[in-house]
Amino acid sequence: MSNAFDPYREALVVERHTIWPEEYEDWSAADKARVEALLHASPGDAAELDYVRQHTGFARVITVTPGDVERVSVA
């Protein structure tokens, strides 16, 4: 289950992770990097956002969805 955007946890994010579904495995590393940068630039808009507690803060984990790709491709 995804978490809602949380400004408190967001301020403590020390790592960013992106989970890509199999349907995007043929994308180039450059295309994935561009989409990842856009998704992590506005994490509150991501469809599937999770925060994982770590010793030093939180890791932000965004699972890419087709809606996310469509949203950032328009930008």
PDB file of N, CA and C in Angstrom:
ATOM      1  N   MET A   1       0.851  -1.186   0.000  1.00  0.00           N
ATOM      2  CA  MET A   1       0.000   0.000   0.000  1.00  0.00           C
ATOM      3  C   MET A   1       0.892   1.243   0.000  1.00  0.00           C
ATOM      4  N   SER A   2       0.539   2.185  -0.852  1.00  0.00           N
ATOM      5  CA  SER A   2       1.330   3.404  -0.978  1.00  0.00           C
ATOM      6  C   SER A   2       1.010   4.386   0.131  1.00  0.00           C
ATOM      7  N   ASN A   3       1.991   5.141   0.478  1.00  0.00           N
ATOM      8  CA  ASN A   3       1.810   6.197   1.464  1.00  0.00           C
ATOM      9  C   ASN A   3       1.457   7.494   0.750  1.00  0.00           C
ATOM     10  N   ALA A   4       0.818   8.367   1.459  1.00  0.00           N
ATOM     11  CA  ALA A   4       0.566   9.699   0.942  1.00  0.00           C
ATOM     12  C   ALA A   4       1.840  10.521   1.107  1.00  0.00           C
ATOM     13  N   PHE A   5       1.973  11.559   0.315  1.00  0.00           N
ATOM     14  CA  PHE A   5       3.113  12.459   0.441  1.00  0.00           C
ATOM     15  C   PHE A   5       3.131  13.007   1.864  1.00  0.00           C
ATOM     16  N   ASP A   6       4.293  12.998   2.487  1.00  0.00           N
ATOM     17  CA  ASP A   6       4.433  13.438   3.865  1.00  0.00           C
ATOM     18  C   ASP A   6       5.598  14.423   3.972  1.00  0.00           C
ATOM     19  N   PRO A   7       5.311  15.708   4.185  1.00  0.00           N
ATOM     20  CA  PRO A   7       6.385  16.711   4.255  1.00  0.00           C
ATOM     21  C   PRO A   7       7.420  16.408   5.334  1.00  0.00           C
ATOM     22  N   TYR A   8       6.996  15.849   6.465  1.00  0.00           N
ATOM     23  CA  TYR A   8       7.943  15.518   7.535  1.00  0.00           C
ATOM     24  C   TYR A   8       8.941  14.466   7.065  1.00  0.00           C
ATOM     25  N   ARG A   9       8.426  13.346   6.537  1.00  0.00           N
ATOM     26  CA  ARG A   9       9.322  12.287   6.062  1.00  0.00           C
ATOM     27  C   ARG A   9      10.130  12.750   4.858  1.00  0.00           C
ATOM     28  N   GLU A  10       9.504  13.574   4.028  1.00  0.00           N
ATOM     29  CA  GLU A  10      10.186  14.089   2.845  1.00  0.00           C
ATOM     30  C   GLU A  10      11.436  14.888   3.228  1.00  0.00           C
ATOM     31  N   ALA A  11      11.351  15.636   4.305  1.00  0.00           N
ATOM     32  CA  ALA A  11      12.496  16.421   4.771  1.00  0.00           C
ATOM     33  C   ALA A  11      13.635  15.531   5.259  1.00  0.00           C
ATOM     34  N   LEU A  12      13.323  14.275   5.559  1.00  0.00           N
ATOM     35  CA  LEU A  12      14.325  13.342   6.080  1.00  0.00           C
ATOM     36  C   LEU A  12      14.762  12.293   5.049  1.00  0.00           C
ATOM     37  N   VAL A  13      14.406  12.502   3.781  1.00  0.00           N
ATOM     38  CA  VAL A  13      14.777  11.552   2.729  1.00  0.00           C
ATOM     39  C   VAL A  13      16.281  11.623   2.480  1.00  0.00           C
ATOM     40  N   VAL A  14      16.943  10.467   2.577  1.00  0.00           N
ATOM     41  CA  VAL A  14      18.379  10.390   2.341  1.00  0.00           C
ATOM     42  C   VAL A  14      18.713   9.513   1.122  1.00  0.00           C
ATOM     43  N   GLU A  15      17.730   8.778   0.630  1.00  0.00           N
ATOM     44  CA  GLU A  15      17.916   7.942  -0.559  1.00  0.00           C
ATOM     45  C   GLU A  15      16.670   8.004  -1.420  1.00  0.00           C
ATOM     46  N   ARG A  16      16.881   7.878  -2.749  1.00  0.00           N
ATOM     47  CA  ARG A  16      15.767   7.821  -3.690  1.00  0.00           C
ATOM     48  C   ARG A  16      15.878   6.521  -4.477  1.00  0.00           C
ATOM     49  N   HIS A  17      14.754   5.812  -4.590  1.00  0.00           N
ATOM     50  CA  HIS A  17      14.727   4.570  -5.361  1.00  0.00           C
ATOM     51  C   HIS A  17      13.533   4.615  -6.305  1.00  0.00           C
ATOM     52  N   THR A  18      13.715   3.993  -7.464  1.00  0.00           N
ATOM     53  CA  THR A  18      12.640   3.916  -8.447  1.00  0.00           C
ATOM     54  C   THR A  18      12.477   2.465  -8.854  1.00  0.00           C
ATOM     55  N   ILE A  19      11.252   1.980  -8.793  1.00  0.00           N
ATOM     56  CA  ILE A  19      10.947   0.615  -9.204  1.00  0.00           C
ATOM     57  C   ILE A  19      10.270   0.685 -10.569  1.00  0.00           C
ATOM     58  N   TRP A  20      10.881   0.002 -11.524  1.00  0.00           N
ATOM     59  CA  TRP A  20      10.365  -0.021 -12.895  1.00  0.00           C
ATOM     60  C   TRP A  20       9.678  -1.353 -13.169  1.00  0.00           C
ATOM     61  N   PRO A  21       8.405  -1.351 -13.576  1.00  0.00           N
ATOM     62  CA  PRO A  21       7.735  -2.597 -13.970  1.00  0.00           C
ATOM     63  C   PRO A  21       8.383  -3.188 -15.229  1.00  0.00           C
ATOM     64  N   GLU A  22       8.171  -4.456 -15.468  1.00  0.00           N
ATOM     65  CA  GLU A  22       8.764  -5.159 -16.611  1.00  0.00           C
ATOM     66  C   GLU A  22       8.420  -4.517 -17.947  1.00  0.00           C
ATOM     67  N   GLU A  23       7.278  -3.875 -18.040  1.00  0.00           N
ATOM     68  CA  GLU A  23       6.868  -3.299 -19.325  1.00  0.00           C
ATOM     69  C   GLU A  23       7.812  -2.194 -19.807  1.00  0.00           C
ATOM     70  N   TYR A  24       8.686  -1.703 -18.929  1.00  0.00           N
ATOM     71  CA  TYR A  24       9.632  -0.650 -19.302  1.00  0.00           C
ATOM     72  C   TYR A  24      11.058  -1.166 -19.418  1.00  0.00           C
ATOM     73  N   GLU A  25      11.257  -2.482 -19.437  1.00  0.00           N
ATOM     74  CA  GLU A  25      12.611  -3.027 -19.447  1.00  0.00           C
ATOM     75  C   GLU A  25      13.374  -2.703 -20.725  1.00  0.00           C
ATOM     76  N   ASP A  26      12.664  -2.404 -21.814  1.00  0.00           N
ATOM     77  CA  ASP A  26      13.347  -2.091 -23.068  1.00  0.00           C
ATOM     78  C   ASP A  26      13.703  -0.603 -23.209  1.00  0.00           C
ATOM     79  N   TRP A  27      13.381   0.201 -22.207  1.00  0.00           N
ATOM     80  CA  TRP A  27      13.736   1.625 -22.241  1.00  0.00           C
ATOM     81  C   TRP A  27      15.237   1.787 -22.020  1.00  0.00           C
ATOM     82  N   SER A  28      15.794   2.801 -22.626  1.00  0.00           N
ATOM     83  CA  SER A  28      17.220   3.075 -22.440  1.00  0.00           C
ATOM     84  C   SER A  28      17.462   3.647 -21.040  1.00  0.00           C
ATOM     85  N   ALA A  29      18.697   3.539 -20.584  1.00  0.00           N
ATOM     86  CA  ALA A  29      19.063   4.080 -19.272  1.00  0.00           C
ATOM     87  C   ALA A  29      18.851   5.595 -19.239  1.00  0.00           C
ATOM     88  N   ALA A  30      19.109   6.261 -20.352  1.00  0.00           N
ATOM     89  CA  ALA A  30      18.934   7.722 -20.413  1.00  0.00           C
ATOM     90  C   ALA A  30      17.460   8.107 -20.272  1.00  0.00           C
ATOM     91  N   ASP A  31      16.580   7.362 -20.939  1.00  0.00           N
ATOM     92  CA  ASP A  31      15.143   7.655 -20.834  1.00  0.00           C
ATOM     93  C   ASP A  31      14.644   7.414 -19.410  1.00  0.00           C
ATOM     94  N   LYS A  32      15.094   6.314 -18.809  1.00  0.00           N
ATOM     95  CA  LYS A  32      14.684   6.023 -17.437  1.00  0.00           C
ATOM     96  C   LYS A  32      15.202   7.096 -16.478  1.00  0.00           C
ATOM     97  N   ALA A  33      16.441   7.522 -16.667  1.00  0.00           N
ATOM     98  CA  ALA A  33      17.030   8.544 -15.790  1.00  0.00           C
ATOM     99  C   ALA A  33      16.247   9.853 -15.890  1.00  0.00           C
ATOM    100  N   ARG A  34      15.833  10.223 -17.107  1.00  0.00           N
ATOM    101  CA  ARG A  34      15.071  11.454 -17.288  1.00  0.00           C
ATOM    102  C   ARG A  34      13.728  11.377 -16.567  1.00  0.00           C
ATOM    103  N   VAL A  35      13.022  10.261 -16.716  1.00  0.00           N
ATOM    104  CA  VAL A  35      11.720  10.095 -16.075  1.00  0.00           C
ATOM    105  C   VAL A  35      11.884  10.032 -14.550  1.00  0.00           C
ATOM    106  N   GLU A  36      12.906   9.313 -14.086  1.00  0.00           N
ATOM    107  CA  GLU A  36      13.157   9.238 -12.643  1.00  0.00           C
ATOM    108  C   GLU A  36      13.385  10.624 -12.052  1.00  0.00           C
ATOM    109  N   ALA A  37      14.193  11.432 -12.718  1.00  0.00           N
ATOM    110  CA  ALA A  37      14.474  12.782 -12.216  1.00  0.00           C
ATOM    111  C   ALA A  37      13.191  13.601 -12.118  1.00  0.00           C
ATOM    112  N   LEU A  38      12.329  13.487 -13.123  1.00  0.00           N
ATOM    113  CA  LEU A  38      11.070  14.236 -13.099  1.00  0.00           C
ATOM    114  C   LEU A  38      10.131  13.725 -12.011  1.00  0.00           C
ATOM    115  N   LEU A  39      10.071  12.412 -11.835  1.00  0.00           N
ATOM    116  CA  LEU A  39       9.198  11.846 -10.799  1.00  0.00           C
ATOM    117  C   LEU A  39       9.668  12.246  -9.402  1.00  0.00           C
ATOM    118  N   HIS A  40      10.961  12.176  -9.166  1.00  0.00           N
ATOM    119  CA  HIS A  40      11.483  12.498  -7.836  1.00  0.00           C
ATOM    120  C   HIS A  40      11.498  14.004  -7.576  1.00  0.00           C
ATOM    121  N   ALA A  41      11.397  14.800  -8.634  1.00  0.00           N
ATOM    122  CA  ALA A  41      11.329  16.251  -8.456  1.00  0.00           C
ATOM    123  C   ALA A  41       9.976  16.678  -7.889  1.00  0.00           C
ATOM    124  N   SER A  42       8.951  15.861  -8.134  1.00  0.00           N
ATOM    125  CA  SER A  42       7.616  16.163  -7.591  1.00  0.00           C
ATOM    126  C   SER A  42       6.998  14.868  -7.038  1.00  0.00           C
ATOM    127  N   PRO A  43       7.548  14.361  -5.948  1.00  0.00           N
ATOM    128  CA  PRO A  43       7.092  13.073  -5.421  1.00  0.00           C
ATOM    129  C   PRO A  43       5.633  13.063  -4.970  1.00  0.00           C
ATOM    130  N   GLY A  44       5.102  14.200  -4.621  1.00  0.00           N
ATOM    131  CA  GLY A  44       3.710  14.261  -4.193  1.00  0.00           C
ATOM    132  C   GLY A  44       2.726  13.919  -5.300  1.00  0.00           C
ATOM    133  N   ASP A  45       3.176  14.002  -6.544  1.00  0.00           N
ATOM    134  CA  ASP A  45       2.317  13.684  -7.683  1.00  0.00           C
ATOM    135  C   ASP A  45       2.401  12.223  -8.104  1.00  0.00           C
ATOM    136  N   ALA A  46       3.340  11.475  -7.549  1.00  0.00           N
ATOM    137  CA  ALA A  46       3.526  10.074  -7.938  1.00  0.00           C
ATOM    138  C   ALA A  46       2.332   9.231  -7.495  1.00  0.00           C
ATOM    139  N   ALA A  47       1.936   8.305  -8.359  1.00  0.00           N
ATOM    140  CA  ALA A  47       0.787   7.440  -8.048  1.00  0.00           C
ATOM    141  C   ALA A  47       1.115   6.443  -6.943  1.00  0.00           C
ATOM    142  N   GLU A  48       2.334   5.926  -6.937  1.00  0.00           N
ATOM    143  CA  GLU A  48       2.734   4.936  -5.930  1.00  0.00           C
ATOM    144  C   GLU A  48       4.009   5.406  -5.247  1.00  0.00           C
ATOM    145  N   LEU A  49       3.843   5.984  -4.077  1.00  0.00           N
ATOM    146  CA  LEU A  49       4.944   6.547  -3.299  1.00  0.00           C
ATOM    147  C   LEU A  49       5.010   5.853  -1.951  1.00  0.00           C
ATOM    148  N   ASP A  50       6.199   5.420  -1.587  1.00  0.00           N
ATOM    149  CA  ASP A  50       6.403   4.804  -0.274  1.00  0.00           C
ATOM    150  C   ASP A  50       7.619   5.433   0.381  1.00  0.00           C
ATOM    151  N   TYR A  51       7.612   5.428   1.702  1.00  0.00           N
ATOM    152  CA  TYR A  51       8.772   5.853   2.478  1.00  0.00           C
ATOM    153  C   TYR A  51       9.223   4.657   3.303  1.00  0.00           C
ATOM    154  N   VAL A  52      10.502   4.351   3.231  1.00  0.00           N
ATOM    155  CA  VAL A  52      11.059   3.232   3.977  1.00  0.00           C
ATOM    156  C   VAL A  52      11.967   3.814   5.046  1.00  0.00           C
ATOM    157  N   ARG A  53      11.684   3.476   6.291  1.00  0.00           N
ATOM    158  CA  ARG A  53      12.466   3.975   7.426  1.00  0.00           C
ATOM    159  C   ARG A  53      13.845   3.352   7.413  1.00  0.00           C
ATOM    160  N   GLN A  54      14.848   4.183   7.608  1.00  0.00           N
ATOM    161  CA  GLN A  54      16.231   3.730   7.709  1.00  0.00           C
ATOM    162  C   GLN A  54      16.834   4.326   8.967  1.00  0.00           C
ATOM    163  N   HIS A  55      18.027   3.885   9.316  1.00  0.00           N
ATOM    164  CA  HIS A  55      18.671   4.413  10.520  1.00  0.00           C
ATOM    165  C   HIS A  55      18.948   5.905  10.413  1.00  0.00           C
ATOM    166  N   THR A  56      19.242   6.365   9.205  1.00  0.00           N
ATOM    167  CA  THR A  56      19.642   7.760   9.030  1.00  0.00           C
ATOM    168  C   THR A  56      18.530   8.660   8.516  1.00  0.00           C
ATOM    169  N   GLY A  57      17.365   8.120   8.252  1.00  0.00           N
ATOM    170  CA  GLY A  57      16.244   8.911   7.720  1.00  0.00           C
ATOM    171  C   GLY A  57      15.281   8.007   6.981  1.00  0.00           C
ATOM    172  N   PHE A  58      14.868   8.441   5.799  1.00  0.00           N
ATOM    173  CA  PHE A  58      13.923   7.670   4.995  1.00  0.00           C
ATOM    174  C   PHE A  58      14.443   7.506   3.574  1.00  0.00           C
ATOM    175  N   ALA A  59      14.063   6.413   2.951  1.00  0.00           N
ATOM    176  CA  ALA A  59      14.270   6.230   1.519  1.00  0.00           C
ATOM    177  C   ALA A  59      12.919   6.473   0.854  1.00  0.00           C
ATOM    178  N   ARG A  60      12.919   7.287  -0.181  1.00  0.00           N
ATOM    179  CA  ARG A  60      11.697   7.516  -0.959  1.00  0.00           C
ATOM    180  C   ARG A  60      11.699   6.493  -2.096  1.00  0.00           C
ATOM    181  N   VAL A  61      10.611   5.735  -2.222  1.00  0.00           N
ATOM    182  CA  VAL A  61      10.499   4.716  -3.252  1.00  0.00           C
ATOM    183  C   VAL A  61       9.282   5.044  -4.115  1.00  0.00           C
ATOM    184  N   ILE A  62       9.542   5.263  -5.389  1.00  0.00           N
ATOM    185  CA  ILE A  62       8.459   5.525  -6.333  1.00  0.00           C
ATOM    186  C   ILE A  62       8.394   4.346  -7.295  1.00  0.00           C
ATOM    187  N   THR A  63       7.226   3.743  -7.411  1.00  0.00           N
ATOM    188  CA  THR A  63       6.985   2.690  -8.392  1.00  0.00           C
ATOM    189  C   THR A  63       6.346   3.352  -9.604  1.00  0.00           C
ATOM    190  N   VAL A  64       6.991   3.222 -10.738  1.00  0.00           N
ATOM    191  CA  VAL A  64       6.543   3.882 -11.962  1.00  0.00           C
ATOM    192  C   VAL A  64       5.252   3.249 -12.457  1.00  0.00           C
ATOM    193  N   THR A  65       4.287   4.097 -12.808  1.00  0.00           N
ATOM    194  CA  THR A  65       3.023   3.647 -13.391  1.00  0.00           C
ATOM    195  C   THR A  65       2.860   4.303 -14.763  1.00  0.00           C
ATOM    196  N   PRO A  66       2.017   3.735 -15.620  1.00  0.00           N
ATOM    197  CA  PRO A  66       1.779   4.370 -16.917  1.00  0.00           C
ATOM    198  C   PRO A  66       1.278   5.812 -16.772  1.00  0.00           C
ATOM    199  N   GLY A  67       0.467   6.067 -15.756  1.00  0.00           N
ATOM    200  CA  GLY A  67      -0.023   7.430 -15.531  1.00  0.00           C
ATOM    201  C   GLY A  67       1.107   8.397 -15.202  1.00  0.00           C
ATOM    202  N   ASP A  68       2.077   7.926 -14.421  1.00  0.00           N
ATOM    203  CA  ASP A  68       3.232   8.765 -14.100  1.00  0.00           C
ATOM    204  C   ASP A  68       4.022   9.094 -15.357  1.00  0.00           C
ATOM    205  N   VAL A  69       4.255   8.075 -16.190  1.00  0.00           N
ATOM    206  CA  VAL A  69       5.023   8.287 -17.418  1.00  0.00           C
ATOM    207  C   VAL A  69       4.305   9.279 -18.312  1.00  0.00           C
ATOM    208  N   GLU A  70       2.997   9.117 -18.439  1.00  0.00           N
ATOM    209  CA  GLU A  70       2.221  10.047 -19.275  1.00  0.00           C
ATOM    210  C   GLU A  70       2.286  11.466 -18.720  1.00  0.00           C
ATOM    211  N   ARG A  71       2.183  11.601 -17.418  1.00  0.00           N
ATOM    212  CA  ARG A  71       2.197  12.930 -16.786  1.00  0.00           C
ATOM    213  C   ARG A  71       3.513  13.640 -17.011  1.00  0.00           C
ATOM    214  N   VAL A  72       4.637  12.960 -16.809  1.00  0.00           N
ATOM    215  CA  VAL A  72       5.932  13.633 -16.958  1.00  0.00           C
ATOM    216  C   VAL A  72       6.354  13.754 -18.410  1.00  0.00           C
ATOM    217  N   SER A  73       5.783  12.944 -19.307  1.00  0.00           N
ATOM    218  CA  SER A  73       6.106  13.062 -20.736  1.00  0.00           C
ATOM    219  C   SER A  73       5.498  14.319 -21.328  1.00  0.00           C
ATOM    220  N   VAL A  74       4.421  14.780 -20.753  1.00  0.00           N
ATOM    221  CA  VAL A  74       3.765  15.993 -21.216  1.00  0.00           C
ATOM    222  C   VAL A  74       4.575  17.210 -20.794  1.00  0.00           C
ATOM    223  N   ALA A  75       5.282  17.092 -19.660  1.00  0.00           N
ATOM    224  CA  ALA A  75       6.048  18.229 -19.129  1.00  0.00           C
ATOM    225  C   ALA A  75       7.205  18.604 -19.996  1.00  0.00           C
TER     226      ALA A  75
END
